[in-house]
Amino acid sequence: MSYQQQRPPLNLDQRLNELLDAIKQEFDQVKNEAFRLHKDESEGKYNKQVAELRDIRNTVYNLQQTHERIKRQYEEDISRLKAELEQRDRQSSQLQYHNQQNAAAQTQQSPTQLPPPQTPQLQQQQPPNQLQTTQNGAQASNNQPNQLQTNQQITQAPNSADSQQSISDKPIPTFLKELDAQLVPEQWKKQTHEFYVLYNPALPKTLDVDLVHSFDHNSVVCCVRFSRDGKYLATGCNKSAQIYGVESGQLVARLTDDGNFLNGTNGAPSNAANPEANSGDLYIRAVTFSPDGKYLATGAEDKLIRIWDLSSRSVIQYLKGHEQDIYSLDYFPDGTKLVSGSGDKSVRIWDLNTSQTSLTLAIEDGVTTVAVSPDSSLIAAGSLDRIVRVWNASSGFLVDRLDGAELNNGHKDSVYSVQFTHDGKEITSGSLDTTVKLWALDTNKNGATNKANVKCEVTYRGHKDFVLSVCSTPDNEYILSGSKDRGVIFWDKNSGDPLFMLQGHRNSVISVCVSNNGIGGNGYFATGSGDCKARIWKYKRDFNQ
């Protein structure tokens, strides 16, 4: 009897456990439902914010495009009004000239003995900066005193609107028109079996050039770049990048990505995702060393940027985002970011800590060349639409368009090369219009430019075909340009005069670069050519004539 009395409590415990299990299950269901609802709500907010950011970005881009259209219209109106004012000035000057002649006829019996006054048309054709060049030329040749006197009279006349134009009306010197070493006197040339140099006979010879090393490649050499310390030279060609010792001329490394690329390792897509890997050709169109010299960035036709660790000769990063060939790369001076230019009409700034794009700058046409200013504050890019654009590197705002619209002295064809001078105050640009230009930048601490002082200072004329690459020496004394005419010209930066033409390749000079360790007018420069050669040259002050 006592045993039967104890059974009900056991049933109560079982029932209690069942109720607790039911409560637990219901709690789990409520918790899961709440988590799902919270997750859906969070994802909805996130998607909404992403959409809002995308709209803001599109709005900013549209505003930028509208701003550029308004600016172009404004510049066109300014140019038209300036032309009208100049026409009125010419008419007024002509009227004044006729009045002077009439007055002279009334007061003199022999008016033909009076010298004609200088007309404003001649004043406009001769800017003040050209006086010094004309004087130097007269001293060198010492046979045109009358022309010198005329030029002095012209520059003493009142300034006109055209006095702010660049040195752009100089004719191509005679010694650059034929480029035939056999027709040049011995004292104005240097000739070897590998190259020849033609000097400007109107100027004293101050530089000598010698070939240091020549490197054969298996294809066209698309690009050359020195390391910051000047000890190494990198070249890019089909399927590989090479690194050479500048002093020894020895091949230090040949970088090919066949293994990593085929296996799809290190973040690289496999062949299935990149049919370019099997297409045969893969030209390396851009190379650049990191500031510390430990890494090399390469850009190629497969739309990828590779970051190579030079100690292990392996790819440690793949930067993916461009939609067409990558044509140009440049490291920021601190080595934490990289800028790239592509045929997909965009410039990208990459954060190398995350391998992600931190800023994308879109334009209207393909980007052929990019450069970072020495203080990291500005980015310059040249494109197929003939314009050099300058952006604030932090905000991405367009600082200026170097198109010479106000004075009609911009490039007339696609810009293929840009570089900041080493002091960061100027930009050099080379174009398919066969010219090189020097642009002055007057920027404040916030990266904004003084519009009145952004102008084309000098136009360098002398090449007979496309200018494909430009650079400047570390002392900012000389500009170098490489061209499809197979030549490299050394220019005096300030006057725009060509010092000499180097003919050292049998095909286009696609890339030219100066080493940063040049001192006192002595240094190295390198060239890459369509003749499948890269060459290192040495320039030095030598002649005392």
Protein backbone atom coordinates (compact mmCIF):
# COMPACT_ATOMS: atom_id res chain seq x y z
CA MET A 1 0.00 0.00 0.00
CA SER A 2 2.80 2.39 0.76
CA TYR A 3 4.45 1.63 -2.65
CA GLN A 4 1.32 2.66 -4.56
CA GLN A 5 1.14 5.92 -2.63
CA GLN A 6 4.61 6.89 -3.89
CA ARG A 7 3.84 6.56 -7.65
CA PRO A 8 1.86 9.80 -8.15
CA PRO A 9 4.89 12.00 -7.36
CA LEU A 10 6.82 10.20 -10.06
CA ASN A 11 4.09 11.06 -12.58
CA LEU A 12 4.19 14.67 -11.46
CA ASP A 13 7.98 14.88 -12.06
CA GLN A 14 7.60 13.46 -15.53
CA ARG A 15 4.85 15.91 -16.33
CA LEU A 16 6.95 18.77 -15.02
CA ASN A 17 9.88 17.77 -17.28
CA GLU A 18 7.58 17.62 -20.27
CA LEU A 19 6.30 21.11 -19.54
CA LEU A 20 9.83 22.43 -19.16
CA ASP A 21 10.84 20.88 -22.49
CA ALA A 22 7.83 22.44 -24.16
CA ILE A 23 8.70 25.84 -22.70
CA LYS A 24 12.31 25.45 -23.87
CA GLN A 25 11.22 24.57 -27.40
CA GLU A 26 8.85 27.51 -27.51
CA PHE A 27 11.62 29.80 -26.24
CA ASP A 28 14.00 28.53 -28.92
CA GLN A 29 11.40 29.16 -31.59
CA VAL A 30 10.79 32.70 -30.36
CA LYS A 31 14.53 33.34 -30.18
CA ASN A 32 15.11 32.07 -33.72
CA GLU A 33 12.22 34.10 -35.03
CA ALA A 34 13.50 37.23 -33.31
CA PHE A 35 17.00 36.63 -34.68
CA ARG A 36 15.60 36.18 -38.19
CA LEU A 37 13.54 39.35 -37.94
CA HIS A 38 16.53 41.30 -36.58
CA LYS A 39 18.77 39.94 -39.34
CA ASP A 40 16.24 40.85 -42.03
CA GLU A 41 15.89 44.32 -40.55
CA SER A 42 19.69 44.79 -40.41
CA GLU A 43 20.16 43.58 -43.96
CA GLY A 44 17.39 45.88 -45.12
CA LYS A 45 19.03 48.87 -43.43
CA TYR A 46 22.41 47.91 -44.86
CA ASN A 47 21.06 47.56 -48.40
CA LYS A 48 19.23 50.85 -48.04
CA GLN A 49 22.41 52.61 -46.92
CA VAL A 50 24.39 51.07 -49.77
CA ALA A 51 21.75 52.25 -52.23
CA GLU A 52 21.83 55.74 -50.72
CA LEU A 53 25.63 55.86 -50.99
CA ARG A 54 25.41 54.70 -54.58
CA ASP A 55 22.88 57.44 -55.33
CA ILE A 56 25.10 60.02 -53.65
CA ARG A 57 28.07 58.85 -55.67
CA ASN A 58 26.09 59.04 -58.91
CA THR A 59 24.84 62.49 -57.96
CA VAL A 60 28.38 63.71 -57.27
CA TYR A 61 29.56 62.24 -60.58
CA ASN A 62 26.71 63.91 -62.45
CA LEU A 63 27.49 67.20 -60.73
CA GLN A 64 31.13 66.85 -61.75
CA GLN A 65 30.14 66.18 -65.35
CA THR A 66 27.79 69.16 -65.31
CA HIS A 67 30.54 71.29 -63.82
CA GLU A 68 32.94 70.24 -66.56
CA ARG A 69 30.40 71.00 -69.27
CA ILE A 70 29.72 74.44 -67.81
CA LYS A 71 33.46 75.03 -67.48
CA ARG A 72 34.06 74.08 -71.10
CA GLN A 73 31.27 76.40 -72.24
CA TYR A 74 32.68 79.17 -70.08
CA GLU A 75 36.17 78.66 -71.52
CA GLU A 76 34.79 78.68 -75.06
CA ASP A 77 32.96 81.94 -74.35
CA ILE A 78 36.12 83.47 -72.87
CA SER A 79 38.16 82.42 -75.91
CA ARG A 80 35.54 83.84 -78.27
CA LEU A 81 35.37 87.16 -76.39
CA LYS A 82 39.17 87.33 -76.22
CA ALA A 83 39.38 86.79 -79.97
CA GLU A 84 36.84 89.58 -80.54
CA LEU A 85 38.83 91.94 -78.29
CA GLU A 86 42.05 91.09 -80.09
CA GLN A 87 40.38 91.76 -83.44
CA ARG A 88 39.20 95.14 -82.19
CA ASP A 89 42.72 95.89 -80.90
CA ARG A 90 44.18 95.06 -84.29
CA GLN A 91 41.67 97.26 -86.06
CA SER A 92 42.35 100.08 -83.63
CA SER A 93 46.11 99.71 -84.10
CA GLN A 94 45.78 99.70 -87.86
CA LEU A 95 43.69 102.87 -87.69
CA GLN A 96 46.30 104.48 -85.44
CA TYR A 97 49.03 103.45 -87.87
CA HIS A 98 47.22 105.06 -90.82
CA ASN A 99 46.64 108.23 -88.79
CA GLN A 100 50.36 108.40 -88.02
CA GLN A 101 51.17 108.01 -91.69
CA ASN A 102 48.74 110.77 -92.63
CA ALA A 103 50.19 113.07 -89.98
CA ALA A 104 53.71 112.36 -91.20
CA ALA A 105 52.68 113.12 -94.78
CA GLN A 106 51.42 116.52 -93.74
CA THR A 107 54.56 117.48 -91.81
CA GLN A 108 57.36 115.93 -93.88
CA GLN A 109 58.24 116.38 -97.54
CA SER A 110 59.91 112.95 -97.80
CA PRO A 111 57.70 110.56 -95.81
CA THR A 112 59.41 107.50 -97.29
CA GLN A 113 62.48 108.26 -95.17
CA LEU A 114 60.56 107.62 -91.94
CA PRO A 115 60.91 104.13 -90.37
CA PRO A 116 57.57 102.30 -90.03
CA PRO A 117 56.32 101.90 -86.48
CA GLN A 118 56.11 98.45 -84.87
CA THR A 119 52.59 97.09 -85.18
CA PRO A 120 50.71 95.21 -82.44
CA GLN A 121 50.56 92.10 -84.67
CA LEU A 122 54.31 91.68 -84.27
CA GLN A 123 54.03 92.34 -80.55
CA GLN A 124 51.66 89.41 -80.18
CA GLN A 125 53.87 87.04 -82.13
CA GLN A 126 56.90 87.68 -79.90
CA PRO A 127 56.28 87.08 -76.17
CA PRO A 128 58.73 88.66 -73.72
CA ASN A 129 60.24 85.30 -72.67
CA GLN A 130 61.54 84.80 -76.19
CA LEU A 131 63.84 87.81 -76.12
CA GLN A 132 66.50 86.02 -74.11
CA THR A 133 66.43 83.01 -76.41
CA THR A 134 66.77 85.22 -79.48
CA GLN A 135 69.68 87.06 -77.87
CA ASN A 136 71.48 83.80 -77.10
CA GLY A 137 70.95 82.58 -80.63
CA ALA A 138 72.33 85.85 -82.02
CA GLN A 139 75.41 85.61 -79.81
CA ALA A 140 76.01 82.04 -80.92
CA SER A 141 75.71 82.78 -84.63
CA ASN A 142 76.70 86.46 -84.41
CA ASN A 143 75.27 87.18 -87.84
CA GLN A 144 71.78 88.63 -87.31
CA PRO A 145 72.11 91.94 -85.41
CA ASN A 146 69.20 93.56 -87.23
CA GLN A 147 66.80 90.81 -86.18
CA LEU A 148 67.96 91.13 -82.58
CA GLN A 149 67.31 94.86 -82.61
CA THR A 150 63.83 94.32 -84.05
CA ASN A 151 63.01 91.78 -81.37
CA GLN A 152 64.18 94.15 -78.64
CA GLN A 153 61.93 96.87 -80.02
CA ILE A 154 59.00 94.49 -80.14
CA THR A 155 59.31 93.30 -76.54
CA GLN A 156 59.52 96.89 -75.31
CA ALA A 157 56.09 97.57 -76.78
CA PRO A 158 52.97 97.41 -74.58
CA ASN A 159 51.88 93.93 -73.50
CA SER A 160 48.92 92.29 -75.18
CA ALA A 161 46.67 89.44 -74.10
CA ASP A 162 48.88 86.97 -75.93
CA SER A 163 51.90 87.89 -73.81
CA GLN A 164 50.77 85.21 -71.33
CA GLN A 165 51.01 82.43 -73.91
CA SER A 166 53.62 79.71 -73.62
CA ILE A 167 56.83 79.54 -75.62
CA SER A 168 54.99 77.70 -78.37
CA ASP A 169 55.78 79.45 -81.63
CA LYS A 170 59.40 78.36 -82.02
CA PRO A 171 60.03 76.57 -85.29
CA ILE A 172 61.62 73.13 -85.27
CA PRO A 173 65.41 73.60 -85.46
CA THR A 174 66.98 72.66 -88.76
CA PHE A 175 69.21 69.99 -87.24
CA LEU A 176 66.08 67.99 -86.22
CA LYS A 177 64.39 68.08 -89.61
CA GLU A 178 66.55 65.55 -91.48
CA LEU A 179 68.17 63.43 -88.72
CA ASP A 180 70.85 62.30 -91.15
CA ALA A 181 74.18 61.99 -89.35
CA GLN A 182 76.07 61.98 -92.65
CA LEU A 183 74.95 65.54 -93.39
CA VAL A 184 76.00 66.95 -90.00
CA PRO A 185 79.49 68.41 -89.46
CA GLU A 186 81.73 66.39 -87.17
CA GLN A 187 81.79 69.01 -84.43
CA TRP A 188 78.00 68.78 -84.03
CA LYS A 189 77.60 65.02 -83.79
CA LYS A 190 78.78 61.94 -81.93
CA GLN A 191 78.56 58.67 -83.82
CA THR A 192 79.28 55.04 -82.88
CA HIS A 193 78.18 51.71 -84.35
CA GLU A 194 75.41 51.54 -81.71
CA PHE A 195 74.03 55.09 -81.72
CA TYR A 196 74.56 58.67 -82.80
CA VAL A 197 73.87 62.06 -81.22
CA LEU A 198 73.04 65.26 -83.11
CA TYR A 199 73.74 68.48 -81.21
CA ASN A 200 71.99 71.80 -81.65
CA PRO A 201 74.52 74.01 -83.48
CA ALA A 202 72.82 77.16 -82.15
CA LEU A 203 73.78 76.26 -78.57
CA PRO A 204 77.03 75.34 -76.83
CA LYS A 205 77.56 71.62 -76.21
CA THR A 206 77.29 71.03 -72.47
CA LEU A 207 76.34 67.34 -72.19
CA ASP A 208 77.83 64.07 -73.36
CA VAL A 209 75.97 60.76 -73.70
CA ASP A 210 77.27 57.19 -73.65
CA LEU A 211 75.64 53.76 -73.84
CA VAL A 212 76.18 51.80 -70.62
CA HIS A 213 74.18 48.57 -71.04
CA SER A 214 71.89 47.03 -73.67
CA PHE A 215 69.40 44.28 -72.79
CA ASP A 216 67.74 42.07 -75.39
CA HIS A 217 64.12 41.01 -74.80
CA ASN A 218 61.87 38.45 -76.45
CA SER A 219 59.32 41.11 -77.46
CA VAL A 220 58.63 44.83 -77.56
CA VAL A 221 59.76 46.57 -74.36
CA CYS A 222 56.66 48.40 -73.15
CA CYS A 223 58.05 50.14 -70.07
CA VAL A 224 61.20 50.90 -68.08
CA ARG A 225 61.49 52.19 -64.49
CA PHE A 226 64.36 52.76 -62.05
CA SER A 227 64.16 51.92 -58.36
CA ARG A 228 64.17 54.95 -56.10
CA ASP A 229 67.77 54.40 -55.02
CA GLY A 230 68.85 54.06 -58.67
CA LYS A 231 70.43 50.62 -58.19
CA TYR A 232 67.97 48.62 -60.30
CA LEU A 233 66.02 48.93 -63.54
CA ALA A 234 62.73 47.13 -64.18
CA THR A 235 61.42 46.43 -67.67
CA GLY A 236 58.11 45.05 -68.91
CA CYS A 237 57.55 42.98 -72.04
CA ASN A 238 55.43 40.02 -73.17
CA LYS A 239 54.62 37.70 -70.23
CA SER A 240 57.46 38.85 -67.98
CA ALA A 241 59.08 41.68 -66.06
CA GLN A 242 62.86 41.86 -65.72
CA ILE A 243 65.07 43.51 -63.09
CA TYR A 244 68.66 44.45 -63.92
CA GLY A 245 71.50 45.83 -61.85
CA VAL A 246 72.35 49.31 -63.11
CA GLU A 247 76.06 49.14 -62.34
CA SER A 248 76.69 45.51 -63.26
CA GLY A 249 74.18 45.14 -66.08
CA GLN A 250 73.36 41.66 -64.76
CA LEU A 251 69.85 40.17 -64.81
CA VAL A 252 68.76 40.06 -61.16
CA ALA A 253 65.30 38.55 -61.63
CA ARG A 254 62.80 37.56 -64.29
CA LEU A 255 59.26 37.64 -62.95
CA THR A 256 56.64 35.45 -64.62
CA ASP A 257 53.30 34.52 -63.14
CA ASP A 258 52.66 31.26 -65.01
CA GLY A 259 52.58 29.00 -61.93
CA ASN A 260 50.49 31.17 -59.63
CA PHE A 261 48.17 32.23 -62.38
CA LEU A 262 47.49 28.72 -63.67
CA ASN A 263 46.79 27.40 -60.19
CA GLY A 264 44.63 30.33 -59.19
CA THR A 265 46.52 30.82 -55.93
CA ASN A 266 47.19 34.01 -53.95
CA GLY A 267 43.79 35.37 -54.86
CA ALA A 268 44.37 35.14 -58.60
CA PRO A 269 41.54 33.85 -60.79
CA SER A 270 42.07 30.57 -62.57
CA ASN A 271 42.33 30.21 -66.34
CA ALA A 272 38.62 29.52 -66.57
CA ALA A 273 37.92 33.00 -65.25
CA ASN A 274 40.73 34.57 -67.26
CA PRO A 275 40.82 33.37 -70.85
CA GLU A 276 43.61 35.89 -71.51
CA ALA A 277 45.97 33.51 -69.72
CA ASN A 278 45.66 31.04 -72.60
CA SER A 279 45.61 33.59 -75.42
CA GLY A 280 49.38 33.55 -75.93
CA ASP A 281 50.36 37.20 -75.36
CA LEU A 282 50.26 39.03 -72.06
CA TYR A 283 52.14 42.31 -72.31
CA ILE A 284 53.32 43.99 -69.13
CA ARG A 285 52.51 47.62 -69.89
CA ALA A 286 53.48 49.23 -66.56
CA VAL A 287 56.09 48.59 -63.86
CA THR A 288 56.96 50.59 -60.75
CA PHE A 289 59.09 49.93 -57.66
CA SER A 290 57.82 50.56 -54.15
CA PRO A 291 59.64 53.45 -52.45
CA ASP A 292 61.61 51.03 -50.21
CA GLY A 293 62.56 48.88 -53.20
CA LYS A 294 61.15 45.68 -51.69
CA TYR A 295 58.23 45.29 -54.08
CA LEU A 296 57.46 45.73 -57.77
CA ALA A 297 53.96 46.46 -59.11
CA THR A 298 53.12 45.37 -62.65
CA GLY A 299 50.06 46.10 -64.76
CA ALA A 300 49.09 44.01 -67.77
CA GLU A 301 46.57 43.28 -70.49
CA ASP A 302 44.65 40.83 -68.27
CA LYS A 303 43.29 43.77 -66.19
CA LEU A 304 45.20 42.65 -63.07
CA ILE A 305 47.79 44.48 -60.99
CA ARG A 306 50.35 42.20 -59.40
CA ILE A 307 52.47 43.13 -56.39
CA TRP A 308 55.72 41.13 -56.36
CA ASP A 309 57.87 40.45 -53.30
CA LEU A 310 61.33 40.81 -54.79
CA SER A 311 63.01 38.74 -52.07
CA SER A 312 60.91 35.66 -52.87
CA ARG A 313 60.23 36.51 -56.56
CA SER A 314 56.54 35.75 -55.98
CA VAL A 315 53.22 37.56 -56.23
CA ILE A 316 51.84 38.53 -52.83
CA GLN A 317 48.84 40.60 -53.95
CA TYR A 318 46.46 40.73 -56.89
CA LEU A 319 44.51 43.97 -57.32
CA LYS A 320 41.39 43.35 -59.36
CA GLY A 321 38.83 45.93 -60.45
CA HIS A 322 39.79 47.42 -63.80
CA GLU A 323 37.75 46.30 -66.78
CA GLN A 324 40.35 46.87 -69.52
CA ASP A 325 44.13 46.90 -70.01
CA ILE A 326 46.21 48.66 -67.37
CA TYR A 327 48.55 51.19 -68.95
CA SER A 328 50.19 53.04 -66.08
CA LEU A 329 51.09 52.65 -62.38
CA ASP A 330 52.71 54.85 -59.74
CA TYR A 331 53.35 54.34 -56.02
CA PHE A 332 52.53 56.98 -53.45
CA PRO A 333 55.74 58.17 -51.74
CA ASP A 334 54.85 56.47 -48.44
CA GLY A 335 54.32 53.11 -50.17
CA THR A 336 50.86 52.47 -48.68
CA LYS A 337 48.87 53.27 -51.83
CA LEU A 338 49.13 52.78 -55.58
CA VAL A 339 47.48 54.66 -58.43
CA SER A 340 46.57 52.99 -61.73
CA GLY A 341 45.23 54.12 -65.11
CA SER A 342 43.29 51.92 -67.51
CA GLY A 343 41.60 51.88 -70.86
CA ASP A 344 38.31 51.48 -68.96
CA LYS A 345 38.23 55.30 -68.57
CA SER A 346 39.12 55.26 -64.88
CA VAL A 347 41.90 56.09 -62.45
CA ARG A 348 41.97 54.00 -59.28
CA ILE A 349 43.73 54.50 -55.96
CA TRP A 350 44.44 51.21 -54.19
CA ASP A 351 44.89 50.69 -50.45
CA LEU A 352 47.68 48.13 -50.33
CA ASN A 353 46.81 47.14 -46.75
CA THR A 354 43.39 45.85 -47.87
CA SER A 355 44.01 45.22 -51.61
CA GLN A 356 40.84 47.24 -52.26
CA THR A 357 40.10 50.38 -54.25
CA SER A 358 39.88 53.40 -51.96
CA LEU A 359 38.96 55.89 -54.70
CA THR A 360 37.81 55.62 -58.32
CA LEU A 361 38.00 58.62 -60.66
CA ALA A 362 36.03 58.30 -63.90
CA ILE A 363 36.59 60.37 -67.04
CA GLU A 364 35.21 60.44 -70.59
CA ASP A 365 37.95 58.48 -72.38
CA GLY A 366 40.69 55.91 -71.88
CA VAL A 367 43.45 56.71 -69.36
CA THR A 368 46.94 56.25 -70.80
CA THR A 369 49.20 57.59 -68.03
CA VAL A 370 49.12 58.51 -64.32
CA ALA A 371 51.51 60.12 -61.84
CA VAL A 372 51.55 61.05 -58.12
CA SER A 373 53.03 64.35 -56.96
CA PRO A 374 56.12 64.18 -54.70
CA ASP A 375 54.11 65.32 -51.66
CA SER A 376 51.25 62.84 -52.36
CA SER A 377 48.68 65.64 -52.53
CA LEU A 378 47.86 65.44 -56.25
CA ILE A 379 47.28 62.86 -58.96
CA ALA A 380 47.72 63.66 -62.66
CA ALA A 381 46.39 61.60 -65.55
CA GLY A 382 46.57 61.91 -69.32
CA SER A 383 43.96 60.42 -71.62
CA LEU A 384 42.88 59.89 -75.17
CA ASP A 385 40.70 63.01 -75.05
CA ARG A 386 43.82 65.29 -75.18
CA ILE A 387 43.40 66.53 -71.58
CA VAL A 388 45.66 66.30 -68.54
CA ARG A 389 43.53 66.15 -65.39
CA VAL A 390 44.71 66.87 -61.86
CA TRP A 391 42.83 65.61 -58.78
CA ASN A 392 43.19 66.04 -55.05
CA ALA A 393 44.54 62.64 -54.00
CA SER A 394 42.63 62.59 -50.69
CA SER A 395 39.18 63.84 -51.67
CA GLY A 396 39.15 62.88 -55.35
CA PHE A 397 37.93 66.33 -56.35
CA LEU A 398 39.02 67.55 -59.77
CA VAL A 399 41.57 70.30 -59.20
CA ASP A 400 42.07 71.31 -62.82
CA ARG A 401 41.97 70.35 -66.48
CA LEU A 402 45.19 71.21 -68.29
CA ASP A 403 43.81 71.66 -71.78
CA GLY A 404 45.01 75.20 -72.61
CA ALA A 405 41.47 76.18 -73.53
CA GLU A 406 41.87 79.80 -72.46
CA LEU A 407 44.82 80.49 -74.75
CA ASN A 408 44.33 77.59 -77.17
CA ASN A 409 47.76 76.16 -76.33
CA GLY A 410 46.80 72.71 -75.09
CA HIS A 411 47.54 69.38 -76.73
CA LYS A 412 45.84 68.70 -80.06
CA ASP A 413 45.91 64.89 -79.76
CA SER A 414 45.91 62.13 -77.16
CA VAL A 415 48.21 62.53 -74.14
CA TYR A 416 50.39 59.44 -73.65
CA SER A 417 52.68 60.48 -70.80
CA VAL A 418 52.62 62.77 -67.76
CA GLN A 419 55.03 63.30 -64.90
CA PHE A 420 55.45 65.79 -62.08
CA THR A 421 58.76 67.60 -61.89
CA HIS A 422 60.77 66.64 -58.83
CA ASP A 423 59.80 69.82 -56.94
CA GLY A 424 56.10 69.13 -57.63
CA LYS A 425 55.48 72.61 -59.03
CA GLU A 426 55.09 71.60 -62.69
CA ILE A 427 53.80 68.78 -64.87
CA THR A 428 55.33 67.58 -68.13
CA SER A 429 53.14 65.93 -70.75
CA GLY A 430 53.81 64.22 -74.07
CA SER A 431 51.25 63.77 -76.82
CA LEU A 432 50.55 62.19 -80.16
CA ASP A 433 50.53 65.75 -81.53
CA THR A 434 54.39 65.40 -81.47
CA THR A 435 54.86 68.03 -78.74
CA VAL A 436 55.93 68.07 -75.10
CA LYS A 437 54.42 70.65 -72.76
CA LEU A 438 55.32 72.04 -69.35
CA TRP A 439 52.43 73.10 -67.13
CA ALA A 440 52.85 75.34 -64.08
CA LEU A 441 50.84 74.51 -60.95
CA ASP A 442 50.16 77.06 -58.25
CA THR A 443 48.41 75.17 -55.44
CA ASN A 444 47.52 76.08 -51.89
CA LYS A 445 47.79 73.78 -48.88
CA ASN A 446 44.35 72.31 -49.55
CA GLY A 447 45.34 71.18 -53.03
CA ALA A 448 43.28 73.83 -54.84
CA THR A 449 44.89 75.60 -57.76
CA ASN A 450 45.09 79.28 -58.52
CA LYS A 451 43.34 79.29 -61.91
CA ALA A 452 45.13 82.43 -63.04
CA ASN A 453 48.51 80.74 -62.65
CA VAL A 454 47.76 77.30 -64.11
CA LYS A 455 49.10 77.57 -67.62
CA CYS A 456 51.24 75.97 -70.27
CA GLU A 457 54.66 77.53 -69.68
CA VAL A 458 56.64 75.90 -72.48
CA THR A 459 55.85 73.89 -75.59
CA TYR A 460 58.75 71.79 -76.84
CA ARG A 461 58.76 71.20 -80.61
CA GLY A 462 61.23 68.96 -82.39
CA HIS A 463 59.93 65.42 -82.72
CA LYS A 464 58.67 64.29 -86.11
CA ASP A 465 56.23 61.68 -84.78
CA PHE A 466 54.20 60.71 -81.69
CA VAL A 467 55.70 61.55 -78.28
CA LEU A 468 55.21 58.40 -76.19
CA SER A 469 57.08 59.13 -72.96
CA VAL A 470 58.42 62.10 -70.97
CA CYS A 471 60.38 62.61 -67.76
CA SER A 472 62.61 65.19 -66.06
CA THR A 473 66.02 65.08 -64.43
CA PRO A 474 66.28 65.24 -60.60
CA ASP A 475 67.64 68.80 -60.73
CA ASN A 476 64.66 69.89 -62.90
CA GLU A 477 67.12 71.29 -65.44
CA TYR A 478 66.28 69.02 -68.38
CA ILE A 479 63.22 67.36 -69.89
CA LEU A 480 63.59 64.06 -71.77
CA SER A 481 61.14 62.75 -74.35
CA GLY A 482 60.94 59.50 -76.30
CA SER A 483 59.12 59.26 -79.61
CA LYS A 484 57.94 57.06 -82.41
CA ASP A 485 60.60 58.81 -84.53
CA ARG A 486 63.08 56.50 -82.66
CA GLY A 487 64.75 59.42 -80.91
CA VAL A 488 65.22 60.82 -77.42
CA ILE A 489 65.53 64.60 -77.12
CA PHE A 490 67.14 66.40 -74.17
CA TRP A 491 65.41 69.77 -73.71
CA ASP A 492 66.40 72.81 -71.72
CA LYS A 493 63.39 72.98 -69.42
CA ASN A 494 63.11 76.74 -69.12
CA SER A 495 63.83 77.90 -72.67
CA GLY A 496 62.28 75.00 -74.57
CA ASP A 497 65.40 74.61 -76.73
CA PRO A 498 66.43 71.08 -77.77
CA LEU A 499 70.03 70.43 -76.69
CA PHE A 500 70.50 67.23 -78.69
CA MET A 501 68.73 64.29 -80.28
CA LEU A 502 69.85 60.75 -79.40
CA GLN A 503 69.18 58.06 -81.98
CA GLY A 504 69.91 54.78 -80.23
CA HIS A 505 67.12 52.41 -81.30
CA ARG A 506 65.84 50.94 -84.54
CA ASN A 507 62.19 51.34 -83.60
CA SER A 508 59.93 53.58 -81.52
CA VAL A 509 61.16 54.70 -78.11
CA ILE A 510 58.13 53.63 -76.10
CA SER A 511 59.41 54.45 -72.61
CA VAL A 512 62.09 56.72 -71.14
CA CYS A 513 62.97 57.14 -67.47
CA VAL A 514 65.65 59.06 -65.52
CA SER A 515 67.32 57.70 -62.41
CA ASN A 516 66.73 59.74 -59.24
CA ASN A 517 70.38 59.63 -58.17
CA GLY A 518 71.68 62.08 -60.77
CA ILE A 519 73.91 64.77 -59.26
CA GLY A 520 75.28 67.96 -60.81
CA GLY A 521 74.09 67.26 -64.32
CA ASN A 522 75.41 63.68 -64.31
CA GLY A 523 73.17 60.62 -64.15
CA TYR A 524 71.56 57.64 -65.84
CA PHE A 525 68.49 57.32 -68.00
CA ALA A 526 66.89 54.26 -69.60
CA THR A 527 64.94 53.62 -72.78
CA GLY A 528 62.61 50.83 -73.87
CA SER A 529 61.86 50.30 -77.55
CA GLY A 530 59.88 48.45 -80.14
CA ASP A 531 63.19 46.98 -81.34
CA CYS A 532 62.99 44.54 -78.36
CA LYS A 533 65.80 46.27 -76.48
CA ALA A 534 66.06 48.19 -73.24
CA ARG A 535 69.12 50.36 -72.77
CA ILE A 536 70.77 52.24 -69.93
CA TRP A 537 72.57 55.47 -70.86
CA LYS A 538 74.79 57.85 -68.95
CA TYR A 539 74.67 61.61 -69.41
CA LYS A 540 77.30 63.95 -68.01
CA ARG A 541 78.59 67.48 -68.29
CA ASP A 542 81.63 67.31 -70.50
CA PHE A 543 82.08 69.81 -73.28
CA ASN A 544 83.80 73.13 -72.62
CA GLN A 545 83.37 74.60 -76.06
